[in-house]
Amino acid sequence: MNLPWAAIAGGGLIGASAVVLLATLGRVAGISGITAGAVAAPRGDRGWRWAFLLGLMLAAAAVLSWQAGAGLPPRALLRDALPAWQLIGAGVLVGFGTRMGNGCTSGHGVCGLARGSRRSLVAVLVFMACAMVTTFLVRHGGGLS
């Protein structure tokens, strides 16, 4: 049996970061809200947001560096690149969905569910259902490529 150790470790780190951010600053670790506030929040509320986003980028760079040093190809580069129009379209849809749902998967799925938010439960059920339908269509003949 091949357990997904990287996914287990990553999920634990995401959960730990959400707990630390909530416990220290009283803030929810919703990436869309943190990102939007990095430029739109009052000046005194931007520093922690930029630090959080920088930490995300540095952690991703560290993992890619470790993979390269260990002779492992970065997983994201193993797949064929998608056409630009699909990437742009997907980004626009995610942006609209995030705005309409008042948050993203990290805010609703990790933090909202942990706080017992009914709104987050509905959001998670909807975006998970959409993800399942999309995956089925892409893998079984109704693909977008």
Protein backbone atom coordinates (compact mmCIF):
# COMPACT_ATOMS: atom_id res chain seq x y z
CA MET A 1 0.00 0.00 0.00
CA ASN A 2 1.36 3.39 -1.01
CA LEU A 3 0.31 6.01 1.53
CA PRO A 4 0.37 9.63 0.37
CA TRP A 5 2.87 10.86 2.96
CA ALA A 6 3.43 14.17 1.22
CA ALA A 7 -0.32 14.87 1.21
CA ILE A 8 -0.63 13.90 4.87
CA ALA A 9 2.29 16.12 5.85
CA GLY A 10 1.03 18.99 3.69
CA GLY A 11 -2.46 18.76 5.15
CA GLY A 12 -1.03 18.77 8.66
CA LEU A 13 1.06 21.85 7.91
CA ILE A 14 -1.94 23.67 6.39
CA GLY A 15 -4.01 22.87 9.48
CA ALA A 16 -1.20 23.93 11.80
CA SER A 17 -0.75 27.24 9.98
CA ALA A 18 -4.49 27.92 10.21
CA VAL A 19 -4.44 27.25 13.95
CA VAL A 20 -1.36 29.42 14.52
CA LEU A 21 -2.80 32.33 12.52
CA LEU A 22 -6.13 32.13 14.34
CA ALA A 23 -4.50 31.75 17.77
CA THR A 24 -1.95 34.53 17.33
CA LEU A 25 -3.73 37.15 15.22
CA GLY A 26 -7.36 36.03 15.41
CA ARG A 27 -7.42 35.79 11.60
CA VAL A 28 -8.81 33.08 9.33
CA ALA A 29 -6.29 31.58 6.90
CA GLY A 30 -8.39 32.10 3.78
CA ILE A 31 -5.92 32.75 0.98
CA SER A 32 -8.32 34.79 -1.18
CA GLY A 33 -9.07 37.16 1.69
CA ILE A 34 -5.42 37.41 2.69
CA THR A 35 -4.40 38.12 -0.91
CA ALA A 36 -7.13 40.72 -1.48
CA GLY A 37 -6.27 42.43 1.79
CA ALA A 38 -2.57 42.56 0.96
CA VAL A 39 -3.29 45.54 -1.29
CA ALA A 40 -6.72 46.75 -0.14
CA ALA A 41 -6.55 46.49 3.66
CA PRO A 42 -5.62 49.48 5.83
CA ARG A 43 -1.86 50.02 5.91
CA GLY A 44 -1.42 48.58 9.42
CA ASP A 45 -3.17 45.35 8.43
CA ARG A 46 -1.02 44.51 5.39
CA GLY A 47 2.27 43.34 6.93
CA TRP A 48 1.09 39.99 8.26
CA ARG A 49 -0.69 39.33 4.95
CA TRP A 50 2.46 39.89 2.90
CA ALA A 51 4.47 37.78 5.36
CA PHE A 52 1.95 34.93 5.05
CA LEU A 53 1.98 35.09 1.22
CA LEU A 54 5.79 35.27 1.15
CA GLY A 55 5.89 32.19 3.40
CA LEU A 56 3.66 30.32 0.95
CA MET A 57 5.96 31.14 -1.94
CA LEU A 58 9.16 30.34 -0.03
CA ALA A 59 7.76 27.00 1.14
CA ALA A 60 6.84 26.05 -2.43
CA ALA A 61 10.32 27.06 -3.63
CA ALA A 62 11.91 25.01 -0.83
CA VAL A 63 9.95 21.89 -1.80
CA LEU A 64 10.81 22.31 -5.49
CA SER A 65 14.47 22.78 -4.54
CA TRP A 66 14.39 19.66 -2.35
CA GLN A 67 12.77 17.65 -5.15
CA ALA A 68 15.42 18.80 -7.62
CA GLY A 69 18.22 17.99 -5.15
CA ALA A 70 16.77 14.53 -4.57
CA GLY A 71 16.62 13.92 -8.32
CA LEU A 72 12.81 14.01 -8.35
CA PRO A 73 10.99 15.84 -11.12
CA PRO A 74 8.55 18.46 -9.83
CA ARG A 75 5.11 16.84 -9.87
CA ALA A 76 3.40 19.86 -11.40
CA LEU A 77 5.69 19.66 -14.44
CA LEU A 78 4.99 15.98 -15.10
CA ARG A 79 1.65 16.79 -16.73
CA ASP A 80 1.28 18.27 -20.17
CA ALA A 81 0.87 22.02 -20.10
CA LEU A 82 -2.67 23.22 -20.78
CA PRO A 83 -3.41 25.78 -23.47
CA ALA A 84 -3.29 29.36 -22.23
CA TRP A 85 -7.01 29.91 -22.88
CA GLN A 86 -7.89 27.05 -20.53
CA LEU A 87 -5.62 28.34 -17.78
CA ILE A 88 -6.98 31.86 -18.12
CA GLY A 89 -10.57 30.60 -18.22
CA ALA A 90 -10.04 28.42 -15.17
CA GLY A 91 -8.48 31.33 -13.28
CA VAL A 92 -11.40 33.62 -14.14
CA LEU A 93 -13.95 31.00 -13.03
CA VAL A 94 -12.09 30.40 -9.77
CA GLY A 95 -11.90 34.15 -9.18
CA PHE A 96 -15.64 34.62 -9.73
CA GLY A 97 -16.48 31.60 -7.60
CA THR A 98 -14.24 32.78 -4.80
CA ARG A 99 -15.83 36.22 -4.82
CA MET A 100 -19.40 34.90 -5.04
CA GLY A 101 -18.78 32.36 -2.28
CA ASN A 102 -17.09 34.90 0.00
CA GLY A 103 -13.99 32.75 0.26
CA CYS A 104 -11.94 29.94 -1.18
CA THR A 105 -11.23 26.32 -0.38
CA SER A 106 -8.77 27.21 2.35
CA GLY A 107 -11.11 29.67 4.04
CA HIS A 108 -14.25 27.54 3.81
CA GLY A 109 -12.83 24.02 3.69
CA VAL A 110 -10.11 24.24 6.30
CA CYS A 111 -11.12 27.10 8.57
CA GLY A 112 -14.87 27.44 8.07
CA LEU A 113 -15.66 23.77 8.58
CA ALA A 114 -13.41 23.65 11.63
CA ARG A 115 -15.39 26.55 13.12
CA GLY A 116 -18.71 24.82 12.35
CA SER A 117 -19.86 27.37 9.76
CA ARG A 118 -23.01 26.27 7.90
CA ARG A 119 -22.20 28.65 5.05
CA SER A 120 -18.80 27.00 4.71
CA LEU A 121 -20.39 23.55 4.70
CA VAL A 122 -22.65 24.55 1.80
CA ALA A 123 -19.73 26.13 -0.07
CA VAL A 124 -17.57 23.02 0.39
CA LEU A 125 -20.37 20.69 -0.73
CA VAL A 126 -20.95 22.79 -3.85
CA PHE A 127 -17.33 23.14 -4.92
CA MET A 128 -16.54 19.50 -4.18
CA ALA A 129 -19.56 18.39 -6.25
CA CYS A 130 -18.40 20.63 -9.10
CA ALA A 131 -14.86 19.26 -8.83
CA MET A 132 -16.15 15.68 -8.98
CA VAL A 133 -18.32 16.38 -12.03
CA THR A 134 -15.46 18.17 -13.78
CA THR A 135 -13.04 15.33 -13.04
CA PHE A 136 -15.52 12.78 -14.33
CA LEU A 137 -16.11 14.74 -17.53
CA VAL A 138 -12.41 15.28 -18.18
CA ARG A 139 -11.49 11.64 -17.54
CA HIS A 140 -14.46 9.96 -19.22
CA GLY A 141 -15.09 11.53 -22.56
CA GLY A 142 -16.58 14.94 -21.95
CA GLY A 143 -13.15 16.54 -21.75
CA LEU A 144 -12.42 20.17 -22.31
CA SER A 145 -9.16 19.65 -24.20
